[in-house]
Amino acid sequence: MTTYIRSLTAAFILSFTAMLTLFPCTAQATSKAKIDQNVNAAIPQLLASSPAARQLWSEAKAVLVFPSILKMGFIIGVQGGNGALRVGDVTVGYYNTASASYGLQAGIQEFGYALFFMSDSALQYLKKSGGWEIGIGPSIVVVDAGIAKALTTTTARKEIYAFFFSQKGLMAGLGLQGSKITRIDPD
């Protein structure tokens, strides 16, 4: 039993050290131009991945697009990336998302996600909060294939919808619960 605990502890320390070394610091933002370039490239992928996203795009008050979130973990998982808040085709702010988790997990994955703000109150909550933790505040509906089939601009009644897109890599599960979104001011 002692050997098992030592092995597990060593694996935990090794994986945590590797994540700290390999994972880019999410607090350090890239330039505004680079974030905008990545968001501009991601939006067509997002809209092509879901007819529901295409329908809601024109009705949303704003869309917060995170084009590239890196998630990696072995027992401890971390994920993070930068994005831009768009009103139409205009960027009105830059944001960082980051989260950490603990549990049975292993792998590395890159994906994008977008939050569609359908009401002024949800958008104001994002703008006024110093750091918004998803799961606290306005409710979010994660749109999967089943929901997307029935979702239209007339049936969309929630304040915020989340769409995942461009998934690459191997990692069990995608989630937003516990993700913290913070406004940033890149160069």
C-alpha atoms as a PDB file:
ATOM      1  CA  MET A   1       0.000   0.000   0.000  1.00  0.00           C
ATOM      2  CA  THR A   2       2.861   2.375   0.851  1.00  0.00           C
ATOM      3  CA  THR A   3       4.421   1.763  -2.570  1.00  0.00           C
ATOM      4  CA  TYR A   4       1.093   2.557  -4.236  1.00  0.00           C
ATOM      5  CA  ILE A   5       0.766   5.843  -2.331  1.00  0.00           C
ATOM      6  CA  ARG A   6       4.361   6.802  -3.153  1.00  0.00           C
ATOM      7  CA  SER A   7       3.815   5.995  -6.828  1.00  0.00           C
ATOM      8  CA  LEU A   8       0.586   7.972  -6.913  1.00  0.00           C
ATOM      9  CA  THR A   9       2.244  10.921  -5.151  1.00  0.00           C
ATOM     10  CA  ALA A  10       5.188  10.843  -7.556  1.00  0.00           C
ATOM     11  CA  ALA A  11       2.834  10.727 -10.569  1.00  0.00           C
ATOM     12  CA  PHE A  12       0.851  13.618  -9.131  1.00  0.00           C
ATOM     13  CA  ILE A  13       3.950  15.768  -8.543  1.00  0.00           C
ATOM     14  CA  LEU A  14       5.386  14.913 -11.948  1.00  0.00           C
ATOM     15  CA  SER A  15       2.136  15.692 -13.771  1.00  0.00           C
ATOM     16  CA  PHE A  16       1.619  18.939 -11.862  1.00  0.00           C
ATOM     17  CA  THR A  17       5.183  20.055 -12.625  1.00  0.00           C
ATOM     18  CA  ALA A  18       4.773  19.155 -16.309  1.00  0.00           C
ATOM     19  CA  MET A  19       1.520  21.118 -16.515  1.00  0.00           C
ATOM     20  CA  LEU A  20       3.121  24.183 -14.966  1.00  0.00           C
ATOM     21  CA  THR A  21       6.013  23.928 -17.411  1.00  0.00           C
ATOM     22  CA  LEU A  22       4.002  23.177 -20.543  1.00  0.00           C
ATOM     23  CA  PHE A  23       0.835  25.162 -19.911  1.00  0.00           C
ATOM     24  CA  PRO A  24       1.027  28.779 -21.051  1.00  0.00           C
ATOM     25  CA  CYS A  25       0.319  31.316 -18.332  1.00  0.00           C
ATOM     26  CA  THR A  26      -3.306  32.304 -18.848  1.00  0.00           C
ATOM     27  CA  ALA A  27      -2.863  35.611 -17.047  1.00  0.00           C
ATOM     28  CA  GLN A  28      -0.385  36.742 -19.688  1.00  0.00           C
ATOM     29  CA  ALA A  29      -2.377  37.991 -22.642  1.00  0.00           C
ATOM     30  CA  THR A  30      -1.222  38.064 -26.205  1.00  0.00           C
ATOM     31  CA  SER A  31      -1.720  41.237 -28.212  1.00  0.00           C
ATOM     32  CA  LYS A  32      -5.137  42.625 -29.115  1.00  0.00           C
ATOM     33  CA  ALA A  33      -4.310  42.134 -32.786  1.00  0.00           C
ATOM     34  CA  LYS A  34      -3.436  38.445 -32.248  1.00  0.00           C
ATOM     35  CA  ILE A  35      -6.583  37.779 -30.210  1.00  0.00           C
ATOM     36  CA  ASP A  36      -8.724  39.507 -32.871  1.00  0.00           C
ATOM     37  CA  GLN A  37      -6.989  37.511 -35.616  1.00  0.00           C
ATOM     38  CA  ASN A  38      -7.700  34.235 -33.797  1.00  0.00           C
ATOM     39  CA  VAL A  39     -11.324  35.220 -33.106  1.00  0.00           C
ATOM     40  CA  ASN A  40     -11.838  36.243 -36.757  1.00  0.00           C
ATOM     41  CA  ALA A  41     -10.569  32.810 -37.843  1.00  0.00           C
ATOM     42  CA  ALA A  42     -12.693  30.976 -35.257  1.00  0.00           C
ATOM     43  CA  ILE A  43     -16.052  32.603 -35.974  1.00  0.00           C
ATOM     44  CA  PRO A  44     -16.586  30.843 -39.356  1.00  0.00           C
ATOM     45  CA  GLN A  45     -15.679  27.500 -37.690  1.00  0.00           C
ATOM     46  CA  LEU A  46     -18.165  28.179 -34.905  1.00  0.00           C
ATOM     47  CA  LEU A  47     -20.974  29.131 -37.273  1.00  0.00           C
ATOM     48  CA  ALA A  48     -20.253  26.168 -39.565  1.00  0.00           C
ATOM     49  CA  SER A  49     -20.343  23.749 -36.621  1.00  0.00           C
ATOM     50  CA  SER A  50     -23.905  24.553 -35.553  1.00  0.00           C
ATOM     51  CA  PRO A  51     -27.018  25.822 -37.355  1.00  0.00           C
ATOM     52  CA  ALA A  52     -28.289  27.006 -33.951  1.00  0.00           C
ATOM     53  CA  ALA A  53     -25.180  29.179 -33.494  1.00  0.00           C
ATOM     54  CA  ARG A  54     -25.766  30.691 -36.937  1.00  0.00           C
ATOM     55  CA  GLN A  55     -29.365  31.516 -36.017  1.00  0.00           C
ATOM     56  CA  LEU A  56     -28.517  33.036 -32.641  1.00  0.00           C
ATOM     57  CA  TRP A  57     -25.537  35.050 -33.943  1.00  0.00           C
ATOM     58  CA  SER A  58     -27.682  37.850 -35.360  1.00  0.00           C
ATOM     59  CA  GLU A  59     -30.038  37.912 -32.342  1.00  0.00           C
ATOM     60  CA  ALA A  60     -27.378  37.942 -29.609  1.00  0.00           C
ATOM     61  CA  LYS A  61     -26.600  41.197 -27.814  1.00  0.00           C
ATOM     62  CA  ALA A  62     -22.930  40.118 -27.830  1.00  0.00           C
ATOM     63  CA  VAL A  63     -20.831  36.978 -28.286  1.00  0.00           C
ATOM     64  CA  LEU A  64     -17.727  36.180 -26.225  1.00  0.00           C
ATOM     65  CA  VAL A  65     -15.489  33.984 -28.382  1.00  0.00           C
ATOM     66  CA  PHE A  66     -12.591  31.984 -26.954  1.00  0.00           C
ATOM     67  CA  PRO A  67     -10.984  30.530 -30.095  1.00  0.00           C
ATOM     68  CA  SER A  68      -8.406  28.301 -28.435  1.00  0.00           C
ATOM     69  CA  ILE A  69      -8.679  26.851 -24.947  1.00  0.00           C
ATOM     70  CA  LEU A  70      -5.946  24.432 -23.937  1.00  0.00           C
ATOM     71  CA  LYS A  71      -7.003  21.809 -21.400  1.00  0.00           C
ATOM     72  CA  MET A  72      -4.574  19.327 -19.933  1.00  0.00           C
ATOM     73  CA  GLY A  73      -4.555  17.145 -16.926  1.00  0.00           C
ATOM     74  CA  PHE A  74      -3.489  14.102 -15.031  1.00  0.00           C
ATOM     75  CA  ILE A  75      -5.445  13.968 -11.766  1.00  0.00           C
ATOM     76  CA  ILE A  76      -5.153  17.785 -11.638  1.00  0.00           C
ATOM     77  CA  GLY A  77      -6.452  19.546 -14.743  1.00  0.00           C
ATOM     78  CA  VAL A  78      -6.033  23.099 -15.954  1.00  0.00           C
ATOM     79  CA  GLN A  79      -7.467  24.976 -18.873  1.00  0.00           C
ATOM     80  CA  GLY A  80      -7.278  28.508 -20.155  1.00  0.00           C
ATOM     81  CA  GLY A  81      -7.157  30.910 -23.060  1.00  0.00           C
ATOM     82  CA  ASN A  82      -7.945  34.417 -24.275  1.00  0.00           C
ATOM     83  CA  GLY A  83     -10.869  35.735 -26.286  1.00  0.00           C
ATOM     84  CA  ALA A  84     -12.808  38.770 -27.393  1.00  0.00           C
ATOM     85  CA  LEU A  85     -16.304  40.066 -26.756  1.00  0.00           C
ATOM     86  CA  ARG A  86     -17.972  40.981 -30.031  1.00  0.00           C
ATOM     87  CA  VAL A  87     -20.997  43.141 -30.681  1.00  0.00           C
ATOM     88  CA  GLY A  88     -21.638  42.471 -34.335  1.00  0.00           C
ATOM     89  CA  ASP A  89     -18.220  42.583 -35.993  1.00  0.00           C
ATOM     90  CA  VAL A  90     -16.706  44.974 -33.439  1.00  0.00           C
ATOM     91  CA  THR A  91     -14.539  43.899 -30.493  1.00  0.00           C
ATOM     92  CA  VAL A  92     -15.657  45.689 -27.329  1.00  0.00           C
ATOM     93  CA  GLY A  93     -13.432  43.898 -24.797  1.00  0.00           C
ATOM     94  CA  TYR A  94     -10.844  41.193 -24.228  1.00  0.00           C
ATOM     95  CA  TYR A  95     -11.193  38.377 -21.723  1.00  0.00           C
ATOM     96  CA  ASN A  96      -9.313  35.446 -20.228  1.00  0.00           C
ATOM     97  CA  THR A  97     -10.865  32.179 -19.111  1.00  0.00           C
ATOM     98  CA  ALA A  98      -9.144  29.813 -16.710  1.00  0.00           C
ATOM     99  CA  SER A  99     -10.065  26.906 -14.500  1.00  0.00           C
ATOM    100  CA  ALA A 100      -8.569  24.060 -12.544  1.00  0.00           C
ATOM    101  CA  SER A 101     -10.065  20.725 -11.599  1.00  0.00           C
ATOM    102  CA  TYR A 102      -9.207  17.652  -9.610  1.00  0.00           C
ATOM    103  CA  GLY A 103     -10.323  14.080 -10.200  1.00  0.00           C
ATOM    104  CA  LEU A 104      -9.956  11.145 -12.525  1.00  0.00           C
ATOM    105  CA  GLN A 105      -8.701  12.771 -15.704  1.00  0.00           C
ATOM    106  CA  ALA A 106      -5.831  12.414 -18.104  1.00  0.00           C
ATOM    107  CA  GLY A 107      -5.070  13.891 -21.474  1.00  0.00           C
ATOM    108  CA  ILE A 108      -4.683  17.064 -23.436  1.00  0.00           C
ATOM    109  CA  GLN A 109      -7.236  18.835 -25.576  1.00  0.00           C
ATOM    110  CA  GLU A 110      -7.698  22.075 -27.441  1.00  0.00           C
ATOM    111  CA  PHE A 111     -11.129  23.500 -28.176  1.00  0.00           C
ATOM    112  CA  GLY A 112     -12.969  26.763 -28.658  1.00  0.00           C
ATOM    113  CA  TYR A 113     -16.149  27.975 -27.097  1.00  0.00           C
ATOM    114  CA  ALA A 114     -18.445  30.941 -27.445  1.00  0.00           C
ATOM    115  CA  LEU A 115     -20.943  32.449 -25.046  1.00  0.00           C
ATOM    116  CA  PHE A 116     -23.972  34.054 -26.700  1.00  0.00           C
ATOM    117  CA  PHE A 117     -25.404  36.819 -24.477  1.00  0.00           C
ATOM    118  CA  MET A 118     -29.084  37.082 -25.339  1.00  0.00           C
ATOM    119  CA  SER A 119     -30.087  39.751 -22.813  1.00  0.00           C
ATOM    120  CA  ASP A 120     -28.792  43.141 -21.770  1.00  0.00           C
ATOM    121  CA  SER A 121     -28.814  42.073 -18.110  1.00  0.00           C
ATOM    122  CA  ALA A 122     -26.518  39.092 -18.739  1.00  0.00           C
ATOM    123  CA  LEU A 123     -24.145  41.271 -20.752  1.00  0.00           C
ATOM    124  CA  GLN A 124     -24.114  43.921 -18.001  1.00  0.00           C
ATOM    125  CA  TYR A 125     -23.321  41.210 -15.435  1.00  0.00           C
ATOM    126  CA  LEU A 126     -20.245  40.227 -17.451  1.00  0.00           C
ATOM    127  CA  LYS A 127     -19.100  43.826 -17.859  1.00  0.00           C
ATOM    128  CA  LYS A 128     -19.619  44.799 -14.206  1.00  0.00           C
ATOM    129  CA  SER A 129     -18.192  41.707 -12.518  1.00  0.00           C
ATOM    130  CA  GLY A 130     -14.514  41.874 -11.627  1.00  0.00           C
ATOM    131  CA  GLY A 131     -14.132  38.203 -12.446  1.00  0.00           C
ATOM    132  CA  TRP A 132     -17.144  36.130 -13.398  1.00  0.00           C
ATOM    133  CA  GLU A 133     -17.160  32.509 -12.314  1.00  0.00           C
ATOM    134  CA  ILE A 134     -19.412  30.443 -14.537  1.00  0.00           C
ATOM    135  CA  GLY A 135     -22.020  28.738 -12.413  1.00  0.00           C
ATOM    136  CA  ILE A 136     -22.509  31.853 -10.285  1.00  0.00           C
ATOM    137  CA  GLY A 137     -24.680  34.547 -11.811  1.00  0.00           C
ATOM    138  CA  PRO A 138     -26.763  34.246 -14.986  1.00  0.00           C
ATOM    139  CA  SER A 139     -27.668  30.714 -16.005  1.00  0.00           C
ATOM    140  CA  ILE A 140     -25.947  29.187 -19.021  1.00  0.00           C
ATOM    141  CA  VAL A 141     -27.285  26.545 -21.373  1.00  0.00           C
ATOM    142  CA  VAL A 142     -24.560  24.420 -22.966  1.00  0.00           C
ATOM    143  CA  VAL A 143     -25.841  23.664 -26.453  1.00  0.00           C
ATOM    144  CA  ASP A 144     -25.180  20.088 -27.502  1.00  0.00           C
ATOM    145  CA  ALA A 145     -26.399  18.294 -30.628  1.00  0.00           C
ATOM    146  CA  GLY A 146     -29.765  17.452 -29.043  1.00  0.00           C
ATOM    147  CA  ILE A 147     -30.567  20.983 -27.908  1.00  0.00           C
ATOM    148  CA  ALA A 148     -29.235  22.483 -31.143  1.00  0.00           C
ATOM    149  CA  LYS A 149     -31.818  20.596 -33.223  1.00  0.00           C
ATOM    150  CA  ALA A 150     -34.712  22.324 -31.472  1.00  0.00           C
ATOM    151  CA  LEU A 151     -33.119  25.707 -30.733  1.00  0.00           C
ATOM    152  CA  THR A 152     -34.275  28.652 -32.811  1.00  0.00           C
ATOM    153  CA  THR A 153     -34.449  32.385 -32.245  1.00  0.00           C
ATOM    154  CA  THR A 154     -38.061  31.994 -31.158  1.00  0.00           C
ATOM    155  CA  THR A 155     -37.384  29.136 -28.696  1.00  0.00           C
ATOM    156  CA  ALA A 156     -34.229  30.715 -27.231  1.00  0.00           C
ATOM    157  CA  ARG A 157     -35.430  31.958 -23.843  1.00  0.00           C
ATOM    158  CA  LYS A 158     -32.300  31.734 -21.672  1.00  0.00           C
ATOM    159  CA  GLU A 159     -29.852  34.563 -21.072  1.00  0.00           C
ATOM    160  CA  ILE A 160     -26.642  32.832 -22.183  1.00  0.00           C
ATOM    161  CA  TYR A 161     -25.932  29.927 -24.537  1.00  0.00           C
ATOM    162  CA  ALA A 162     -22.538  28.195 -24.777  1.00  0.00           C
ATOM    163  CA  PHE A 163     -21.302  26.453 -27.928  1.00  0.00           C
ATOM    164  CA  PHE A 164     -18.159  24.298 -28.152  1.00  0.00           C
ATOM    165  CA  PHE A 165     -16.298  23.985 -31.450  1.00  0.00           C
ATOM    166  CA  SER A 166     -12.984  22.892 -33.017  1.00  0.00           C
ATOM    167  CA  GLN A 167     -12.250  20.104 -30.534  1.00  0.00           C
ATOM    168  CA  LYS A 168      -8.854  18.408 -30.963  1.00  0.00           C
ATOM    169  CA  GLY A 169      -7.033  15.948 -28.736  1.00  0.00           C
ATOM    170  CA  LEU A 170      -8.030  13.357 -26.172  1.00  0.00           C
ATOM    171  CA  MET A 171      -9.568  14.304 -22.854  1.00  0.00           C
ATOM    172  CA  ALA A 172     -12.729  13.033 -21.268  1.00  0.00           C
ATOM    173  CA  GLY A 173     -15.466  15.656 -21.060  1.00  0.00           C
ATOM    174  CA  LEU A 174     -15.828  19.365 -21.654  1.00  0.00           C
ATOM    175  CA  GLY A 175     -17.205  21.661 -19.033  1.00  0.00           C
ATOM    176  CA  LEU A 176     -17.465  25.288 -18.085  1.00  0.00           C
ATOM    177  CA  GLN A 177     -18.527  24.977 -14.443  1.00  0.00           C
ATOM    178  CA  GLY A 178     -15.934  26.706 -12.302  1.00  0.00           C
ATOM    179  CA  SER A 179     -14.316  28.559 -15.198  1.00  0.00           C
ATOM    180  CA  LYS A 180     -13.452  32.117 -14.285  1.00  0.00           C
ATOM    181  CA  ILE A 181     -13.745  34.811 -16.933  1.00  0.00           C
ATOM    182  CA  THR A 182     -11.771  37.983 -16.331  1.00  0.00           C
ATOM    183  CA  ARG A 183     -11.460  41.133 -18.411  1.00  0.00           C
ATOM    184  CA  ILE A 184      -7.897  41.751 -19.604  1.00  0.00           C
ATOM    185  CA  ASP A 185      -6.097  44.647 -21.256  1.00  0.00           C
ATOM    186  CA  PRO A 186      -3.534  43.175 -23.668  1.00  0.00           C
ATOM    187  CA  ASP A 187      -1.004  45.310 -25.541  1.00  0.00           C
END
